[in-house]
Amino acid sequence: MKPDAKIKSKQRSETSRSIALKILQKVFQGRSLASAKAQADVLESRERAFAMELVQGVLRWRWKLEFLLSQLMKKPLRSKEQEIKLLLLLSLYELMELSTPEYAVVNETVLLGKNLGKSWASGLVNGVLRSFIRDRQTLLSSALDDVANYSHPEWVINLLRKDWPEYWQKILQANNQRPPLWLRVNRIQQQTQAYKKLLDEKGFNAITHPFASSAIKLERSVDVFSLPGFEQGMVSVQDAGAQLAADLLDVQAGQSVLDLCAAPGGKTCHLIETEPELKKLVAVELEEQRMQRVTENLERLQLDAELIVADASEPSGWWDGELFDRILVDAPCSASGVIRRHPDIKSLRREDDLTSLAQIQQKILQQAWSMLAPDGLLLYVTCSVFRQENEAQIRKLLSEHDNAGEVVIDASWGMACEYGRQLLPGEEDSDGFYFACVRKVLS
């Protein structure tokens, strides 16, 4: 039964705005948007889409919206009234970016406040929103500091300035763009150009990518189940930047491949699609729930891999001692390169997270190195733009192993770093990724 069919059988009083408010509350309390958005499942498809538009918009523009709110209020709301603050942020975003009639936004917001048992706030909500409507042009044209203007936490802006002094503004601007829908064609079943032609015939406007050979971008987002061959595994959803990993790892027939931190399985499946005649591919993921996503992707694509739910940094509990010809370390990271796709990262990530993440990354790298065969190739990948998580990790690995040699990535995309190569967010409309190849030199 389709989700919407279940919804219609329920008696419910939830609206898009009330659900959006609940989701935002959970994110502001530290939950990821991916886990919190299940709240929207009680809504029908159009309402659900509207709720997620509101949520993502507030998370994307939070710091600008909070600045505007501060200008519209004589004194800030108390911390215990966060629900009203979030309600106002939702409404300011809707007034600022969407085409909803102004009177409807004001009326619906006041009504929702009353339904939440916050009738005392009706006058406040009404006054703030009408003041914004009246003074919109003056407020939006006023001088903003970088935090409000780029709508990012100050620590992110400062670190980007340090790491990318010539590009930090472009990165911040790219992070605030809406992400496109990129597809990866399963080349076992279909060639990229042939699938694009099939999309064109079905009325989907699509373009190929200049350097990701299996990537196709749709000009507008659609329900993926409406795509030709999706359920049969002909195509998957994956950002074009992420698709570069399979080619860089250069897998060959008969090789043993290890994929560490494999969920949700996009790169796992792409490696098999690139070379179906592998000896074996072992995918390791720490969380069983996330490994289920890998299983689902493999099943839909009709592919096989050996799946192990375990800690990639503790191979003694799961590794049988057989060395691997190729290892992909898709390291856990700050996800600072995929903020446009996951705007909650800006609210959830903290600067001191980078230190603990760097320690985990280095531990996984060192253990992966011990499992790599002589003349084998290791590809280190993050979806981060911070140098601490990227080239600093490869510098340390190379300095500690005499038999480790960097394989320079010669490419037309991204920028060469001291070690490895960085694809910045927005380049050819891809997300931000770091890649570094290291070969275990024959002694």
Protein backbone atom coordinates (compact mmCIF):
# COMPACT_ATOMS: atom_id res chain seq x y z
CA MET A 1 0.00 0.00 0.00
CA LYS A 2 1.31 3.45 -0.86
CA PRO A 3 2.06 5.79 2.09
CA ASP A 4 -0.65 8.25 1.02
CA ALA A 5 -3.26 5.48 1.11
CA LYS A 6 -2.45 4.82 4.76
CA ILE A 7 -2.72 8.50 5.56
CA LYS A 8 -6.24 8.81 4.19
CA SER A 9 -7.45 6.14 6.61
CA LYS A 10 -6.26 8.17 9.62
CA GLN A 11 -8.05 10.90 11.47
CA ARG A 12 -5.47 13.66 11.83
CA SER A 13 -5.31 17.36 12.49
CA GLU A 14 -1.69 17.95 11.48
CA THR A 15 -0.85 20.53 8.85
CA SER A 16 2.30 21.17 6.84
CA ARG A 17 3.24 24.02 9.16
CA SER A 18 2.64 22.10 12.40
CA ILE A 19 4.70 19.17 11.14
CA ALA A 20 7.45 21.50 9.92
CA LEU A 21 7.54 23.02 13.40
CA LYS A 22 7.86 19.59 15.04
CA ILE A 23 10.70 18.60 12.72
CA LEU A 24 12.56 21.85 13.37
CA GLN A 25 12.22 21.36 17.11
CA LYS A 26 13.88 17.97 16.86
CA VAL A 27 16.74 19.30 14.71
CA PHE A 28 17.31 22.22 17.09
CA GLN A 29 17.47 19.64 19.88
CA GLY A 30 20.27 17.80 18.07
CA ARG A 31 18.49 15.24 15.86
CA SER A 32 19.50 14.93 12.23
CA LEU A 33 16.98 16.00 9.62
CA ALA A 34 17.22 12.52 8.07
CA SER A 35 15.82 10.97 11.26
CA ALA A 36 13.46 13.81 12.22
CA LYS A 37 11.69 14.11 8.87
CA ALA A 38 9.78 10.88 9.46
CA GLN A 39 7.29 13.16 11.27
CA ALA A 40 6.13 14.27 7.82
CA ASP A 41 4.98 10.76 6.86
CA VAL A 42 1.51 11.52 8.28
CA LEU A 43 0.98 14.08 5.51
CA GLU A 44 -0.15 13.55 1.94
CA SER A 45 2.52 14.00 -0.71
CA ARG A 46 1.92 17.68 -1.58
CA GLU A 47 1.63 18.70 2.06
CA ARG A 48 4.73 16.69 2.89
CA ALA A 49 6.70 18.42 0.15
CA PHE A 50 5.57 21.83 1.45
CA ALA A 51 6.54 20.94 5.03
CA MET A 52 10.01 19.88 3.92
CA GLU A 53 10.39 23.06 1.86
CA LEU A 54 9.70 25.08 5.00
CA VAL A 55 12.07 23.03 7.15
CA GLN A 56 14.95 23.04 4.70
CA GLY A 57 14.46 26.72 4.01
CA VAL A 58 14.72 27.64 7.68
CA LEU A 59 17.77 25.42 8.17
CA ARG A 60 19.41 26.89 5.08
CA TRP A 61 18.74 30.53 6.02
CA ARG A 62 18.63 30.20 9.80
CA TRP A 63 21.24 32.85 10.63
CA LYS A 64 19.76 35.41 8.25
CA LEU A 65 16.27 34.73 9.58
CA GLU A 66 17.46 35.03 13.17
CA PHE A 67 19.04 38.39 12.33
CA LEU A 68 15.79 39.61 10.79
CA LEU A 69 13.85 38.42 13.82
CA SER A 70 16.22 40.27 16.13
CA GLN A 71 15.50 43.48 14.21
CA LEU A 72 11.76 42.96 14.49
CA MET A 73 11.61 42.36 18.25
CA LYS A 74 12.32 44.79 21.07
CA LYS A 75 13.75 41.96 23.18
CA PRO A 76 14.53 38.31 22.39
CA LEU A 77 12.19 35.52 23.38
CA ARG A 78 13.12 33.51 26.45
CA SER A 79 14.72 30.12 25.84
CA LYS A 80 11.60 28.32 27.06
CA GLU A 81 9.65 29.95 24.23
CA GLN A 82 11.69 28.36 21.47
CA GLU A 83 8.50 27.00 19.91
CA ILE A 84 7.31 30.55 19.17
CA LYS A 85 10.75 31.51 17.87
CA LEU A 86 10.74 28.58 15.44
CA LEU A 87 7.19 29.41 14.39
CA LEU A 88 8.32 32.94 13.54
CA LEU A 89 11.38 31.68 11.64
CA LEU A 90 9.15 29.41 9.56
CA SER A 91 6.82 32.28 8.76
CA LEU A 92 9.62 34.72 7.94
CA TYR A 93 11.10 32.20 5.53
CA GLU A 94 7.73 31.67 3.88
CA LEU A 95 7.21 35.43 3.50
CA MET A 96 10.77 35.99 2.28
CA GLU A 97 11.12 33.15 -0.23
CA LEU A 98 7.76 31.60 -1.13
CA SER A 99 4.73 32.89 -3.01
CA THR A 100 2.13 32.26 -0.29
CA PRO A 101 -0.19 35.28 0.10
CA GLU A 102 0.98 37.43 3.00
CA TYR A 103 -2.38 37.46 4.76
CA ALA A 104 -2.50 33.64 4.63
CA VAL A 105 0.92 33.33 6.27
CA VAL A 106 -0.05 35.71 9.07
CA ASN A 107 -3.45 34.10 9.68
CA GLU A 108 -2.17 30.52 9.58
CA THR A 109 0.74 31.33 11.89
CA VAL A 110 -1.50 33.02 14.48
CA LEU A 111 -3.93 30.09 14.29
CA LEU A 112 -1.14 27.54 14.73
CA GLY A 113 0.11 29.42 17.77
CA LYS A 114 -3.37 29.24 19.32
CA ASN A 115 -3.63 25.52 18.52
CA LEU A 116 -0.36 25.01 20.35
CA GLY A 117 -1.84 26.62 23.43
CA LYS A 118 0.14 29.82 22.92
CA SER A 119 -2.74 32.27 22.56
CA TRP A 120 -0.74 34.80 24.59
CA ALA A 121 1.65 35.08 21.63
CA SER A 122 -0.98 35.97 19.02
CA GLY A 123 -0.35 39.70 19.26
CA LEU A 124 3.41 39.20 19.16
CA VAL A 125 3.27 36.92 16.12
CA ASN A 126 0.85 39.19 14.29
CA GLY A 127 2.94 42.28 15.05
CA VAL A 128 6.29 40.75 14.04
CA LEU A 129 5.02 39.38 10.74
CA ARG A 130 3.15 42.54 9.77
CA SER A 131 6.23 44.62 10.63
CA PHE A 132 8.29 42.43 8.32
CA ILE A 133 5.76 42.79 5.52
CA ARG A 134 5.72 46.56 5.97
CA ASP A 135 9.50 47.03 6.28
CA ARG A 136 10.64 44.13 4.11
CA GLN A 137 12.70 46.16 1.63
CA THR A 138 14.50 48.14 4.33
CA LEU A 139 15.25 45.02 6.39
CA LEU A 140 16.50 42.94 3.46
CA SER A 141 18.67 45.76 2.11
CA SER A 142 20.28 46.58 5.47
CA ALA A 143 23.97 45.85 6.01
CA LEU A 144 24.51 42.31 7.31
CA ASP A 145 27.55 40.78 8.91
CA ASP A 146 29.01 37.66 7.26
CA VAL A 147 27.16 35.29 9.60
CA ALA A 148 23.76 36.70 8.62
CA ASN A 149 24.64 37.43 5.00
CA TYR A 150 25.99 33.95 4.23
CA SER A 151 23.81 32.23 6.86
CA HIS A 152 26.55 30.03 8.31
CA PRO A 153 27.96 29.64 11.82
CA GLU A 154 30.90 31.96 12.47
CA TRP A 155 33.35 29.10 13.02
CA VAL A 156 32.57 27.62 9.59
CA ILE A 157 33.13 30.97 7.90
CA ASN A 158 36.41 31.53 9.74
CA LEU A 159 37.73 28.07 8.91
CA LEU A 160 36.79 28.40 5.24
CA ARG A 161 38.55 31.76 5.12
CA LYS A 162 41.67 30.10 6.50
CA ASP A 163 41.57 26.96 4.32
CA TRP A 164 40.27 28.57 1.11
CA PRO A 165 41.12 32.32 1.21
CA GLU A 166 40.31 32.78 -2.49
CA TYR A 167 37.17 30.64 -2.58
CA TRP A 168 35.45 30.85 0.83
CA GLN A 169 32.68 33.14 -0.42
CA LYS A 170 31.92 30.89 -3.42
CA ILE A 171 31.76 27.87 -1.10
CA LEU A 172 29.30 29.61 1.23
CA GLN A 173 27.16 30.75 -1.66
CA ALA A 174 27.14 27.26 -3.18
CA ASN A 175 26.13 25.78 0.18
CA ASN A 176 22.95 27.88 0.12
CA GLN A 177 21.82 26.71 -3.31
CA ARG A 178 19.14 24.09 -3.80
CA PRO A 179 20.76 20.76 -4.74
CA PRO A 180 20.04 19.21 -8.13
CA LEU A 181 18.89 15.65 -8.72
CA TRP A 182 21.84 13.66 -10.10
CA LEU A 183 21.42 10.12 -11.38
CA ARG A 184 23.99 7.36 -11.86
CA VAL A 185 23.35 5.06 -14.79
CA ASN A 186 23.99 1.38 -14.11
CA ARG A 187 26.37 0.59 -16.96
CA ILE A 188 25.79 -3.14 -16.56
CA GLN A 189 22.28 -2.55 -17.90
CA GLN A 190 22.54 0.64 -19.96
CA GLN A 191 25.03 3.17 -21.33
CA THR A 192 24.78 6.77 -20.18
CA GLN A 193 23.89 8.33 -23.53
CA ALA A 194 21.33 5.63 -24.24
CA TYR A 195 19.62 6.26 -20.91
CA LYS A 196 19.65 10.02 -21.52
CA LYS A 197 17.92 9.39 -24.84
CA LEU A 198 15.34 7.28 -23.01
CA LEU A 199 14.76 10.14 -20.55
CA ASP A 200 14.38 12.60 -23.42
CA GLU A 201 11.80 10.36 -25.07
CA LYS A 202 9.84 10.18 -21.82
CA GLY A 203 9.82 13.97 -21.45
CA PHE A 204 12.47 14.33 -18.74
CA ASN A 205 14.85 17.19 -19.46
CA ALA A 206 18.33 15.92 -18.61
CA ILE A 207 22.01 16.74 -19.16
CA THR A 208 25.15 14.66 -18.78
CA HIS A 209 28.14 15.61 -16.64
CA PRO A 210 31.47 16.75 -18.15
CA PHE A 211 33.68 14.45 -16.05
CA ALA A 212 31.46 11.93 -14.24
CA SER A 213 30.83 9.45 -17.03
CA SER A 214 27.70 7.80 -15.58
CA ALA A 215 26.06 10.98 -14.28
CA ILE A 216 22.89 12.61 -15.58
CA LYS A 217 21.19 15.65 -14.05
CA LEU A 218 17.48 16.24 -14.25
CA GLU A 219 16.41 19.86 -14.66
CA ARG A 220 13.71 19.38 -12.05
CA SER A 221 13.27 16.92 -9.20
CA VAL A 222 10.83 14.08 -9.74
CA ASP A 223 9.60 10.99 -7.93
CA VAL A 224 12.41 8.55 -8.69
CA PHE A 225 9.91 5.72 -9.14
CA SER A 226 8.62 7.58 -12.20
CA LEU A 227 12.02 7.22 -13.89
CA PRO A 228 12.27 4.55 -16.61
CA GLY A 229 13.90 1.40 -15.26
CA PHE A 230 14.43 2.70 -11.71
CA GLU A 231 12.75 -0.21 -9.97
CA GLN A 232 14.66 -2.62 -12.21
CA GLY A 233 18.02 -1.10 -11.19
CA MET A 234 18.79 0.77 -14.39
CA VAL A 235 19.59 3.99 -12.53
CA SER A 236 20.27 5.29 -9.01
CA VAL A 237 20.33 8.65 -7.26
CA GLN A 238 23.89 9.80 -6.47
CA ASP A 239 25.64 13.15 -6.67
CA ALA A 240 28.01 13.50 -9.61
CA GLY A 241 30.96 14.29 -7.34
CA ALA A 242 30.47 11.07 -5.38
CA GLN A 243 30.52 9.14 -8.65
CA LEU A 244 34.18 10.05 -9.25
CA ALA A 245 35.32 7.56 -6.61
CA ALA A 246 34.71 4.43 -8.69
CA ASP A 247 36.90 5.55 -11.58
CA LEU A 248 39.67 6.79 -9.28
CA LEU A 249 39.90 3.44 -7.48
CA ASP A 250 40.58 1.77 -10.85
CA VAL A 251 39.11 -1.63 -9.96
CA GLN A 252 40.00 -4.53 -12.26
CA ALA A 253 38.51 -7.95 -12.93
CA GLY A 254 39.56 -10.60 -10.42
CA GLN A 255 40.47 -8.15 -7.67
CA SER A 256 39.40 -8.18 -4.02
CA VAL A 257 37.92 -4.85 -2.96
CA LEU A 258 37.16 -3.48 0.50
CA ASP A 259 34.69 -0.64 1.02
CA LEU A 260 34.93 0.86 4.52
CA CYS A 261 32.10 2.99 5.98
CA ALA A 262 29.97 1.86 3.05
CA ALA A 263 26.45 3.15 3.84
CA PRO A 264 24.24 4.08 2.13
CA GLY A 265 25.94 2.02 -0.57
CA GLY A 266 26.11 4.31 -3.59
CA LYS A 267 29.86 3.90 -4.04
CA THR A 268 29.64 0.18 -3.20
CA CYS A 269 27.17 -0.41 -6.01
CA HIS A 270 29.03 1.86 -8.43
CA LEU A 271 32.25 -0.12 -7.95
CA ILE A 272 30.46 -3.34 -8.91
CA GLU A 273 28.72 -1.65 -11.85
CA THR A 274 32.12 -0.41 -13.03
CA GLU A 275 33.68 -3.89 -12.84
CA PRO A 276 31.18 -6.77 -12.48
CA GLU A 277 33.97 -9.39 -12.59
CA LEU A 278 35.53 -8.59 -9.22
CA LYS A 279 36.73 -11.55 -7.17
CA LYS A 280 34.81 -10.11 -4.24
CA LEU A 281 33.67 -6.84 -2.70
CA VAL A 282 33.43 -6.59 1.07
CA ALA A 283 31.43 -3.65 2.46
CA VAL A 284 31.80 -2.70 6.13
CA GLU A 285 29.43 -0.39 8.00
CA LEU A 286 29.17 0.29 11.73
CA GLU A 287 25.40 0.64 12.09
CA GLU A 288 23.03 -2.17 11.18
CA GLN A 289 20.24 0.25 10.30
CA ARG A 290 22.50 2.06 7.83
CA MET A 291 23.70 -1.26 6.41
CA GLN A 292 20.08 -2.02 5.58
CA ARG A 293 20.25 0.83 3.07
CA VAL A 294 23.22 -0.87 1.41
CA THR A 295 21.26 -4.13 1.24
CA GLU A 296 18.26 -2.40 -0.33
CA ASN A 297 20.40 -0.69 -2.97
CA LEU A 298 22.19 -3.93 -3.89
CA GLU A 299 18.91 -5.82 -4.18
CA ARG A 300 17.27 -3.22 -6.42
CA LEU A 301 20.35 -3.09 -8.65
CA GLN A 302 20.61 -6.90 -8.68
CA LEU A 303 24.19 -6.82 -7.38
CA ASP A 304 26.04 -8.93 -4.80
CA ALA A 305 28.54 -8.00 -2.10
CA GLU A 306 29.67 -9.40 1.23
CA LEU A 307 28.23 -7.14 3.94
CA ILE A 308 29.73 -6.87 7.42
CA VAL A 309 28.26 -4.81 10.25
CA ALA A 310 31.34 -3.87 12.24
CA ASP A 311 33.74 -1.11 13.24
CA ALA A 312 36.04 -0.27 10.33
CA SER A 313 38.71 0.87 12.81
CA GLU A 314 38.73 -2.51 14.60
CA PRO A 315 39.28 -5.14 11.89
CA SER A 316 40.51 -7.82 14.32
CA GLY A 317 36.89 -8.76 14.94
CA TRP A 318 35.89 -9.30 11.32
CA TRP A 319 38.89 -9.46 8.94
CA ASP A 320 40.05 -12.93 7.87
CA GLY A 321 43.60 -11.80 7.08
CA GLU A 322 43.31 -11.88 3.27
CA LEU A 323 44.79 -8.69 1.79
CA PHE A 324 42.78 -6.50 -0.56
CA ASP A 325 43.89 -5.18 -3.95
CA ARG A 326 41.75 -2.07 -3.64
CA ILE A 327 40.42 -0.28 -0.55
CA LEU A 328 37.95 2.58 -0.46
CA VAL A 329 37.96 4.57 2.78
CA ASP A 330 34.79 6.65 2.60
CA ALA A 331 35.60 8.29 5.90
CA PRO A 332 33.11 9.71 8.40
CA CYS A 333 33.55 13.48 8.34
CA SER A 334 32.00 16.88 9.00
CA ALA A 335 30.01 16.65 5.73
CA SER A 336 30.92 20.29 5.11
CA GLY A 337 30.95 19.65 1.36
CA VAL A 338 27.31 18.54 1.18
CA ILE A 339 25.64 21.31 3.20
CA ARG A 340 23.43 22.35 0.29
CA ARG A 341 21.96 18.83 0.32
CA HIS A 342 21.85 18.57 4.12
CA PRO A 343 21.33 22.08 5.53
CA ASP A 344 20.89 20.72 9.07
CA ILE A 345 24.68 20.20 9.14
CA LYS A 346 25.08 23.92 9.77
CA SER A 347 23.01 23.65 12.96
CA LEU A 348 24.28 20.27 14.17
CA ARG A 349 28.02 20.35 13.56
CA ARG A 350 30.38 21.92 16.12
CA GLU A 351 33.96 23.06 15.60
CA ASP A 352 35.34 20.66 18.21
CA ASP A 353 33.75 17.76 16.27
CA LEU A 354 36.62 18.08 13.78
CA THR A 355 39.21 16.93 16.32
CA SER A 356 37.35 13.73 17.20
CA LEU A 357 36.50 13.08 13.55
CA ALA A 358 40.16 13.49 12.54
CA GLN A 359 41.15 10.89 15.14
CA ILE A 360 38.59 8.42 13.80
CA GLN A 361 39.66 9.09 10.22
CA GLN A 362 43.30 8.45 11.00
CA LYS A 363 42.56 5.25 12.90
CA ILE A 364 40.48 3.89 9.99
CA LEU A 365 43.19 4.90 7.51
CA GLN A 366 45.92 3.15 9.47
CA GLN A 367 43.90 -0.04 9.81
CA ALA A 368 42.98 0.05 6.13
CA TRP A 369 46.66 0.35 5.23
CA SER A 370 47.41 -2.86 7.12
CA MET A 371 44.83 -4.71 5.00
CA LEU A 372 46.10 -3.46 1.63
CA ALA A 373 48.08 -5.85 -0.56
CA PRO A 374 51.52 -4.90 -1.97
CA ASP A 375 51.02 -2.74 -5.08
CA GLY A 376 47.44 -2.23 -3.95
CA LEU A 377 45.64 1.10 -4.19
CA LEU A 378 43.82 2.92 -1.39
CA LEU A 379 41.38 5.74 -2.14
CA TYR A 380 40.58 8.11 0.72
CA VAL A 381 37.35 10.09 0.25
CA THR A 382 35.48 12.61 2.37
CA CYS A 383 32.55 14.91 1.67
CA SER A 384 34.41 17.66 3.53
CA VAL A 385 36.16 20.86 2.43
CA PHE A 386 38.22 21.25 5.62
CA ARG A 387 41.93 20.54 5.18
CA GLN A 388 42.21 19.05 8.68
CA GLU A 389 40.03 16.15 7.55
CA ASN A 390 41.59 15.83 4.12
CA GLU A 391 45.18 16.40 3.03
CA ALA A 392 46.38 16.53 6.65
CA GLN A 393 45.27 12.90 7.01
CA ILE A 394 47.14 11.80 3.90
CA ARG A 395 50.25 13.73 4.94
CA LYS A 396 50.28 11.80 8.22
CA LEU A 397 49.73 8.44 6.51
CA LEU A 398 52.58 9.04 4.05
CA SER A 399 54.93 10.25 6.78
CA GLU A 400 54.41 7.11 8.86
CA HIS A 401 54.77 4.48 6.11
CA ASP A 402 57.86 4.23 3.93
CA ASN A 403 56.00 1.94 1.52
CA ALA A 404 53.23 4.51 0.92
CA GLY A 405 53.37 6.62 -2.23
CA GLU A 406 50.83 9.16 -3.42
CA VAL A 407 49.30 8.57 -6.83
CA VAL A 408 48.72 12.08 -8.15
CA ILE A 409 45.22 12.59 -9.52
CA ASP A 410 45.57 14.18 -12.95
CA ALA A 411 42.13 15.60 -13.65
CA SER A 412 40.36 18.54 -15.23
CA TRP A 413 38.08 18.96 -12.23
CA GLY A 414 38.74 20.35 -8.79
CA MET A 415 41.98 21.73 -7.41
CA ALA A 416 45.23 20.02 -6.61
CA CYS A 417 46.10 20.10 -2.89
CA GLU A 418 49.41 19.34 -1.22
CA TYR A 419 48.13 15.75 -1.36
CA GLY A 420 45.00 14.70 -3.20
CA ARG A 421 42.42 16.78 -5.01
CA GLN A 422 39.47 18.87 -3.79
CA LEU A 423 36.19 19.27 -5.63
CA LEU A 424 34.51 22.34 -4.17
CA PRO A 425 30.73 22.58 -3.72
CA GLY A 426 29.00 23.89 -6.81
CA GLU A 427 31.69 22.95 -9.33
CA GLU A 428 29.77 21.68 -12.36
CA ASP A 429 26.79 21.62 -9.95
CA SER A 430 28.36 18.80 -7.91
CA ASP A 431 28.73 18.56 -4.14
CA GLY A 432 32.09 19.03 -2.43
CA PHE A 433 34.43 16.02 -2.10
CA TYR A 434 38.08 15.33 -1.35
CA PHE A 435 39.96 12.43 -2.98
CA ALA A 436 43.47 11.07 -2.43
CA CYS A 437 45.03 7.92 -3.91
CA VAL A 438 47.89 6.10 -2.16
CA ARG A 439 49.68 3.02 -3.49
CA LYS A 440 51.47 0.43 -1.32
CA VAL A 441 54.88 0.40 -2.97
CA LEU A 442 56.47 -2.98 -3.68
CA SER A 443 59.47 -3.54 -1.42
